[in-house]
Amino acid sequence: MRDEQIERINELYRKSQAEGLTEAEKKEQALLRKQFVADVRGNLTAQLNNIDMVNADGTVENLGEKYGNKKRLS
């Protein structure tokens, strides 16, 4: 997510607290928030998929290869 989009989320929040938002602004805010959450989840998933774990026997196991391709239940 670009800095401009994050700043726009913050602008809409401040405006909602000060004077309220129009319906179009509410929809824009919801869309931006949804994109932000999707980006955070994607980044976290990528980080977790790159974790290597050293087992007691000395072998190295990539957790992304072991668990990363499983589908979410929700």
N, C-alpha and C. Protein backbone atom coordinates (compact mmCIF):
# COMPACT_ATOMS: atom_id res chain seq x y z
N MET A 1 0.85 -1.17 0.00
CA MET A 1 0.00 0.00 0.00
C MET A 1 0.90 1.23 0.00
N ARG A 2 0.55 2.16 -0.84
CA ARG A 2 1.36 3.37 -0.97
C ARG A 2 1.09 4.32 0.20
N ASP A 3 2.06 5.19 0.43
CA ASP A 3 1.93 6.18 1.51
C ASP A 3 0.73 7.09 1.30
N GLU A 4 0.43 7.41 0.03
CA GLU A 4 -0.73 8.27 -0.26
C GLU A 4 -2.03 7.63 0.19
N GLN A 5 -2.12 6.31 0.00
CA GLN A 5 -3.34 5.61 0.41
C GLN A 5 -3.47 5.58 1.93
N ILE A 6 -2.38 5.37 2.61
CA ILE A 6 -2.41 5.37 4.08
C ILE A 6 -2.78 6.75 4.59
N GLU A 7 -2.21 7.78 3.97
CA GLU A 7 -2.56 9.15 4.37
C GLU A 7 -4.04 9.42 4.12
N ARG A 8 -4.57 8.90 3.03
CA ARG A 8 -6.00 9.10 2.74
C ARG A 8 -6.87 8.39 3.79
N ILE A 9 -6.47 7.22 4.22
CA ILE A 9 -7.20 6.52 5.30
C ILE A 9 -7.22 7.41 6.54
N ASN A 10 -6.08 7.98 6.87
CA ASN A 10 -5.98 8.84 8.05
C ASN A 10 -6.81 10.11 7.89
N GLU A 11 -6.81 10.70 6.69
CA GLU A 11 -7.63 11.88 6.44
C GLU A 11 -9.11 11.58 6.63
N LEU A 12 -9.54 10.47 6.08
CA LEU A 12 -10.95 10.09 6.21
C LEU A 12 -11.32 9.83 7.66
N TYR A 13 -10.40 9.22 8.41
CA TYR A 13 -10.68 8.98 9.82
C TYR A 13 -10.84 10.31 10.57
N ARG A 14 -9.89 11.22 10.34
CA ARG A 14 -9.97 12.51 11.04
C ARG A 14 -11.25 13.26 10.66
N LYS A 15 -11.62 13.21 9.40
CA LYS A 15 -12.83 13.88 8.96
C LYS A 15 -14.06 13.23 9.58
N SER A 16 -14.06 11.89 9.69
CA SER A 16 -15.21 11.20 10.28
C SER A 16 -15.39 11.59 11.74
N GLN A 17 -14.30 11.83 12.43
CA GLN A 17 -14.37 12.23 13.83
C GLN A 17 -14.81 13.69 13.97
N ALA A 18 -14.40 14.53 13.04
CA ALA A 18 -14.68 15.96 13.14
C ALA A 18 -16.08 16.31 12.64
N GLU A 19 -16.44 15.83 11.46
CA GLU A 19 -17.69 16.30 10.87
C GLU A 19 -18.53 15.21 10.23
N GLY A 20 -18.02 14.01 10.10
CA GLY A 20 -18.75 12.93 9.46
C GLY A 20 -18.37 12.80 8.00
N LEU A 21 -18.73 11.67 7.41
CA LEU A 21 -18.37 11.37 6.03
C LEU A 21 -19.62 11.24 5.17
N THR A 22 -19.46 11.54 3.89
CA THR A 22 -20.54 11.29 2.94
C THR A 22 -20.56 9.79 2.65
N GLU A 23 -21.60 9.34 1.99
CA GLU A 23 -21.70 7.91 1.65
C GLU A 23 -20.55 7.48 0.75
N ALA A 24 -20.18 8.33 -0.21
CA ALA A 24 -19.06 8.01 -1.10
C ALA A 24 -17.76 7.89 -0.32
N GLU A 25 -17.55 8.77 0.64
CA GLU A 25 -16.33 8.72 1.46
C GLU A 25 -16.33 7.49 2.35
N LYS A 26 -17.49 7.11 2.86
CA LYS A 26 -17.58 5.89 3.67
C LYS A 26 -17.20 4.66 2.85
N LYS A 27 -17.67 4.61 1.61
CA LYS A 27 -17.33 3.48 0.73
C LYS A 27 -15.84 3.48 0.42
N GLU A 28 -15.28 4.66 0.15
CA GLU A 28 -13.85 4.78 -0.12
C GLU A 28 -13.04 4.32 1.09
N GLN A 29 -13.46 4.75 2.27
CA GLN A 29 -12.77 4.38 3.50
C GLN A 29 -12.81 2.87 3.71
N ALA A 30 -13.97 2.26 3.48
CA ALA A 30 -14.10 0.82 3.66
C ALA A 30 -13.20 0.07 2.67
N LEU A 31 -13.16 0.54 1.42
CA LEU A 31 -12.33 -0.10 0.41
C LEU A 31 -10.85 0.03 0.76
N LEU A 32 -10.42 1.21 1.18
CA LEU A 32 -9.02 1.41 1.56
C LEU A 32 -8.64 0.55 2.76
N ARG A 33 -9.52 0.47 3.72
CA ARG A 33 -9.24 -0.36 4.90
C ARG A 33 -9.12 -1.83 4.51
N LYS A 34 -10.01 -2.28 3.62
CA LYS A 34 -9.98 -3.67 3.16
C LYS A 34 -8.66 -3.96 2.45
N GLN A 35 -8.21 -3.04 1.60
CA GLN A 35 -6.94 -3.20 0.91
C GLN A 35 -5.78 -3.23 1.89
N PHE A 36 -5.83 -2.37 2.91
CA PHE A 36 -4.78 -2.31 3.92
C PHE A 36 -4.67 -3.65 4.66
N VAL A 37 -5.81 -4.17 5.10
CA VAL A 37 -5.81 -5.45 5.83
C VAL A 37 -5.30 -6.57 4.93
N ALA A 38 -5.71 -6.59 3.66
CA ALA A 38 -5.23 -7.62 2.74
C ALA A 38 -3.71 -7.53 2.56
N ASP A 39 -3.19 -6.32 2.47
CA ASP A 39 -1.74 -6.14 2.34
C ASP A 39 -1.00 -6.62 3.58
N VAL A 40 -1.52 -6.30 4.75
CA VAL A 40 -0.89 -6.74 6.00
C VAL A 40 -0.89 -8.25 6.08
N ARG A 41 -2.03 -8.87 5.76
CA ARG A 41 -2.10 -10.34 5.79
C ARG A 41 -1.13 -10.96 4.79
N GLY A 42 -1.06 -10.38 3.59
CA GLY A 42 -0.14 -10.90 2.58
C GLY A 42 1.31 -10.80 3.02
N ASN A 43 1.67 -9.66 3.61
CA ASN A 43 3.05 -9.48 4.10
C ASN A 43 3.37 -10.45 5.22
N LEU A 44 2.43 -10.64 6.14
CA LEU A 44 2.66 -11.57 7.25
C LEU A 44 2.80 -12.99 6.74
N THR A 45 1.94 -13.37 5.80
CA THR A 45 2.02 -14.72 5.23
C THR A 45 3.37 -14.93 4.55
N ALA A 46 3.83 -13.93 3.80
CA ALA A 46 5.13 -14.05 3.12
C ALA A 46 6.26 -14.20 4.13
N GLN A 47 6.20 -13.45 5.22
CA GLN A 47 7.24 -13.55 6.25
C GLN A 47 7.21 -14.92 6.91
N LEU A 48 6.02 -15.40 7.24
CA LEU A 48 5.92 -16.70 7.90
C LEU A 48 6.35 -17.83 6.98
N ASN A 49 6.09 -17.69 5.68
CA ASN A 49 6.47 -18.73 4.73
C ASN A 49 7.97 -18.79 4.51
N ASN A 50 8.72 -17.78 4.95
CA ASN A 50 10.17 -17.77 4.79
C ASN A 50 10.93 -18.13 6.05
N ILE A 51 10.24 -18.66 7.03
CA ILE A 51 10.90 -19.05 8.28
C ILE A 51 11.47 -20.46 8.13
N ASP A 52 12.74 -20.61 8.45
CA ASP A 52 13.39 -21.92 8.48
C ASP A 52 13.57 -22.33 9.93
N MET A 53 13.29 -23.59 10.18
CA MET A 53 13.37 -24.11 11.54
C MET A 53 14.41 -25.23 11.56
N VAL A 54 15.31 -25.19 12.53
CA VAL A 54 16.32 -26.23 12.68
C VAL A 54 15.78 -27.25 13.67
N ASN A 55 15.62 -28.47 13.20
CA ASN A 55 15.11 -29.55 14.04
C ASN A 55 16.20 -30.09 14.96
N ALA A 56 15.80 -30.88 15.93
CA ALA A 56 16.74 -31.44 16.90
C ALA A 56 17.81 -32.28 16.23
N ASP A 57 17.49 -32.93 15.11
CA ASP A 57 18.47 -33.77 14.42
C ASP A 57 19.37 -32.98 13.48
N GLY A 58 19.21 -31.65 13.44
CA GLY A 58 20.07 -30.79 12.65
C GLY A 58 19.54 -30.46 11.26
N THR A 59 18.44 -31.09 10.86
CA THR A 59 17.87 -30.79 9.55
C THR A 59 17.15 -29.44 9.59
N VAL A 60 17.13 -28.79 8.44
CA VAL A 60 16.48 -27.49 8.32
C VAL A 60 15.18 -27.69 7.55
N GLU A 61 14.11 -27.15 8.11
CA GLU A 61 12.79 -27.32 7.52
C GLU A 61 12.17 -25.94 7.28
N ASN A 62 11.75 -25.69 6.05
CA ASN A 62 11.10 -24.43 5.72
C ASN A 62 9.62 -24.55 6.07
N LEU A 63 9.14 -23.68 6.95
CA LEU A 63 7.75 -23.78 7.40
C LEU A 63 6.76 -23.38 6.31
N GLY A 64 7.20 -22.54 5.38
CA GLY A 64 6.34 -22.18 4.27
C GLY A 64 6.05 -23.38 3.38
N GLU A 65 7.07 -24.18 3.15
CA GLU A 65 6.88 -25.38 2.35
C GLU A 65 6.03 -26.41 3.08
N LYS A 66 6.17 -26.46 4.39
CA LYS A 66 5.45 -27.44 5.18
C LYS A 66 4.00 -27.03 5.42
N TYR A 67 3.76 -25.76 5.75
CA TYR A 67 2.43 -25.31 6.13
C TYR A 67 1.83 -24.24 5.23
N GLY A 68 2.64 -23.58 4.43
CA GLY A 68 2.22 -22.39 3.70
C GLY A 68 1.14 -22.60 2.65
N ASN A 69 1.00 -23.77 2.12
CA ASN A 69 0.04 -23.99 1.06
C ASN A 69 -1.32 -24.47 1.55
N LYS A 70 -1.51 -24.54 2.84
CA LYS A 70 -2.80 -24.96 3.37
C LYS A 70 -3.83 -23.84 3.22
N LYS A 71 -5.04 -24.22 2.96
CA LYS A 71 -6.13 -23.24 2.80
C LYS A 71 -6.66 -22.83 4.16
N ARG A 72 -7.08 -21.56 4.24
CA ARG A 72 -7.67 -21.05 5.47
C ARG A 72 -9.08 -21.61 5.61
N LEU A 73 -9.49 -21.85 6.82
CA LEU A 73 -10.82 -22.36 7.07
C LEU A 73 -11.90 -21.29 7.02
N SER A 74 -11.53 -20.06 7.30
CA SER A 74 -12.55 -19.00 7.35
C SER A 74 -12.75 -18.31 6.04
